[in-house]
Protein backbone atom coordinates (compact mmCIF):
# COMPACT_ATOMS: atom_id res chain seq x y z
CA MET A 1 -0.06 0.09 0.13
CA GLN A 2 1.61 3.57 -1.30
CA ALA A 3 1.08 6.12 1.55
CA ALA A 4 -1.11 7.83 -0.65
CA ASP A 5 -3.78 5.23 -0.69
CA LEU A 6 -3.16 5.06 2.99
CA GLN A 7 -4.12 8.55 3.72
CA ALA A 8 -7.08 8.34 1.04
CA TYR A 9 -8.44 5.53 2.90
CA LEU A 10 -8.02 7.22 6.33
CA TYR A 11 -9.78 10.16 5.03
CA GLN A 12 -12.44 8.18 3.77
CA HIS A 13 -13.50 5.67 7.02
CA ILE A 14 -11.66 8.23 9.95
CA PRO A 15 -12.69 11.42 9.33
CA LEU A 16 -10.97 12.56 12.48
CA SER A 17 -7.47 12.17 10.40
CA ARG A 18 -8.73 14.85 7.37
CA ALA A 19 -9.99 17.34 10.58
CA MET A 20 -6.50 16.84 11.71
CA GLU A 21 -4.73 17.36 8.37
CA VAL A 22 -3.37 14.27 9.00
CA ALA A 23 -0.50 13.40 5.74
CA VAL A 24 0.96 9.63 5.79
CA ALA A 25 4.89 10.38 5.96
CA ALA A 26 5.74 6.73 5.17
CA VAL A 27 4.25 3.31 4.73
CA ALA A 28 6.78 0.51 5.09
CA PRO A 29 6.57 -3.02 7.04
CA ASN A 30 8.53 -2.11 9.82
CA GLY A 31 6.87 0.84 10.58
CA VAL A 32 4.02 3.61 9.45
CA THR A 33 5.01 7.58 10.40
CA LEU A 34 2.29 9.93 10.40
CA THR A 35 2.40 13.35 10.70
CA ALA A 36 0.08 16.69 11.41
CA PRO A 37 0.65 20.53 11.70
CA LEU A 38 -0.58 22.69 14.63
CA ALA A 39 -3.24 24.43 13.17
CA PRO A 40 -5.94 21.95 13.39
CA ASN A 41 -4.62 20.71 16.73
CA ILE A 42 -4.16 23.55 18.41
CA ASN A 43 -5.30 24.22 22.10
CA HIS A 44 -5.76 27.25 24.29
CA ARG A 45 -1.46 27.40 25.64
CA ALA A 46 -0.86 27.05 21.69
CA THR A 47 0.30 23.56 21.96
CA VAL A 48 -0.77 20.02 20.54
CA PHE A 49 -4.10 19.67 22.40
CA GLY A 50 -3.35 16.28 23.96
CA GLY A 51 -5.82 14.41 22.55
CA SER A 52 -5.22 14.85 19.40
CA ALA A 53 -1.09 14.06 19.46
CA SER A 54 -3.05 10.77 20.94
CA ALA A 55 -5.36 10.41 18.00
CA LEU A 56 -2.31 11.43 15.98
CA ALA A 57 -0.56 8.12 17.77
CA ILE A 58 -3.50 5.43 17.69
CA LEU A 59 -4.02 6.31 14.32
CA ALA A 60 -0.09 5.60 13.32
CA ALA A 61 -0.54 2.67 14.90
CA TRP A 62 -4.32 1.48 13.67
CA SER A 63 -2.50 2.10 10.40
CA LEU A 64 0.73 -0.65 10.67
CA LEU A 65 -1.31 -3.04 11.35
CA HIS A 66 -3.72 -2.42 8.71
CA THR A 67 -1.40 -2.30 6.06
CA ARG A 68 0.29 -5.25 7.23
CA LEU A 69 -2.85 -7.16 7.20
CA ARG A 70 -3.94 -6.25 3.81
CA ALA A 71 -0.54 -6.83 2.74
CA GLU A 72 -0.79 -10.57 3.95
CA GLY A 73 -4.34 -10.51 2.26
CA TRP A 74 -6.47 -9.96 5.48
CA THR A 75 -9.70 -7.52 5.50
CA ALA A 76 -10.11 -7.85 9.30
CA THR A 77 -12.07 -5.31 11.15
CA LEU A 78 -9.03 -3.62 13.72
CA VAL A 79 -9.96 -2.13 16.91
CA ILE A 80 -8.19 -0.80 19.92
CA GLN A 81 -8.70 -2.57 22.89
CA ARG A 82 -6.26 -0.08 25.33
CA ASN A 83 -3.63 2.18 25.41
CA SER A 84 -1.78 4.18 27.72
CA MET A 85 -0.19 7.45 26.39
CA GLU A 86 2.78 8.98 28.33
CA TYR A 87 3.60 12.91 27.14
CA GLN A 88 6.67 14.07 27.58
CA GLN A 89 6.84 17.25 26.68
CA ALA A 90 4.66 19.89 25.06
CA ILE A 91 4.31 20.11 21.29
CA ALA A 92 4.63 23.56 19.61
CA GLY A 93 4.65 22.88 15.84
CA ALA A 94 4.33 20.32 13.53
CA PHE A 95 4.29 16.62 14.77
CA SER A 96 4.95 13.16 14.04
CA ALA A 97 3.83 9.54 15.36
CA HIS A 98 5.80 6.71 14.01
CA ALA A 99 4.66 3.17 14.80
CA VAL A 100 6.11 -0.08 14.90
CA LEU A 101 5.18 -3.28 16.24
CA ALA A 102 5.86 -3.82 20.10
CA ASP A 103 7.45 -7.19 19.48
CA ALA A 104 8.97 -7.70 15.95
CA ASP A 105 8.60 -11.64 16.33
CA GLY A 106 5.17 -11.40 17.83
CA TRP A 107 3.77 -11.42 14.09
CA GLU A 108 3.51 -14.72 12.86
CA ARG A 109 2.01 -15.87 15.93
CA PHE A 110 -0.61 -12.89 15.82
CA ILE A 111 -1.43 -14.19 12.26
CA LYS A 112 -1.67 -17.63 13.30
CA THR A 113 -3.86 -16.99 16.23
CA LEU A 114 -6.19 -14.97 13.88
CA SER A 115 -6.02 -17.55 11.33
CA ARG A 116 -7.04 -20.51 13.85
CA ARG A 117 -9.21 -18.33 16.27
CA GLY A 118 -10.41 -15.36 14.15
CA LYS A 119 -9.30 -13.20 16.53
CA ALA A 120 -6.07 -11.90 18.15
CA ARG A 121 -4.77 -9.01 19.93
CA ILE A 122 -1.27 -7.61 19.47
CA GLU A 123 0.65 -4.71 21.26
CA VAL A 124 1.90 -1.89 18.96
CA ALA A 125 4.21 1.02 20.40
CA ALA A 126 3.96 4.71 18.59
CA VAL A 127 6.56 7.56 19.17
CA LEU A 128 5.58 11.40 19.05
CA GLU A 129 7.87 13.85 18.02
CA CYS A 130 8.32 17.38 17.35
CA ASP A 131 11.63 19.31 16.10
CA GLY A 132 13.47 15.88 15.91
CA ALA A 133 12.53 15.81 20.02
CA GLU A 134 10.70 12.68 21.29
CA ALA A 135 7.36 14.32 22.33
CA GLY A 136 5.69 11.10 24.31
CA ARG A 137 5.22 7.35 23.50
CA LEU A 138 2.01 5.00 22.89
CA CYS A 139 1.41 1.62 24.03
CA GLY A 140 -1.52 0.37 22.30
CA GLU A 141 -3.27 -3.40 22.58
CA PHE A 142 -5.40 -3.78 19.27
CA VAL A 143 -7.87 -6.73 18.52
CA ALA A 144 -8.39 -8.00 15.11
CA LEU A 145 -11.43 -10.22 14.39
CA ALA A 146 -10.98 -12.22 10.59
CA GLY A 147 -12.99 -10.96 7.97
CA GLN A 148 -12.54 -12.42 4.04
CA ARG A 149 -9.50 -13.21 2.95
CA ALA A 150 -8.75 -10.85 -0.25
CA PRO A 151 -5.86 -10.60 -2.60
CA ALA A 152 -2.94 -9.56 -1.16
CA MET A 153 -1.46 -6.16 -1.46
CA ARG A 154 2.41 -5.27 -1.74
CA LEU A 155 3.24 -2.79 0.73
CA ALA A 156 5.54 -0.07 -0.88
CA GLN A 157 8.89 -0.20 -0.19
CA PRO A 158 11.14 3.04 1.21
CA GLY A 159 13.18 3.77 -1.86
């Protein structure tokens, strides 16, 4: 899946992403990076609203799982079951969230469980950054509910 395809999907299916002006900066099998500007996410202190920061991190984590599952031909329903968010500093400008699997070796187990039981859980981590500095971290547990198998989609390789 290309960055433009993911961004179109997010805008169509998760309207908050459009309101936040989320942009997909990178899509790869090992990570997804989303960005957002300050203006539509600003709070009364002229920094990013905490809910927007959390939403961008959750969207990045969800997007990673969505693109990986689609690449393997799954049309699973993905929902976040729980998450914790740690804010390390105020975000006073454009910001990004980079998501990776919390346990890279857990993907095969996740897919086997999804295939066998029709339901599986996996943890994803995301790091928020602003101006090259880490501003926060998300740890989220997502649940996938198996849908129909679809033709696999190739993930774009960074180039």
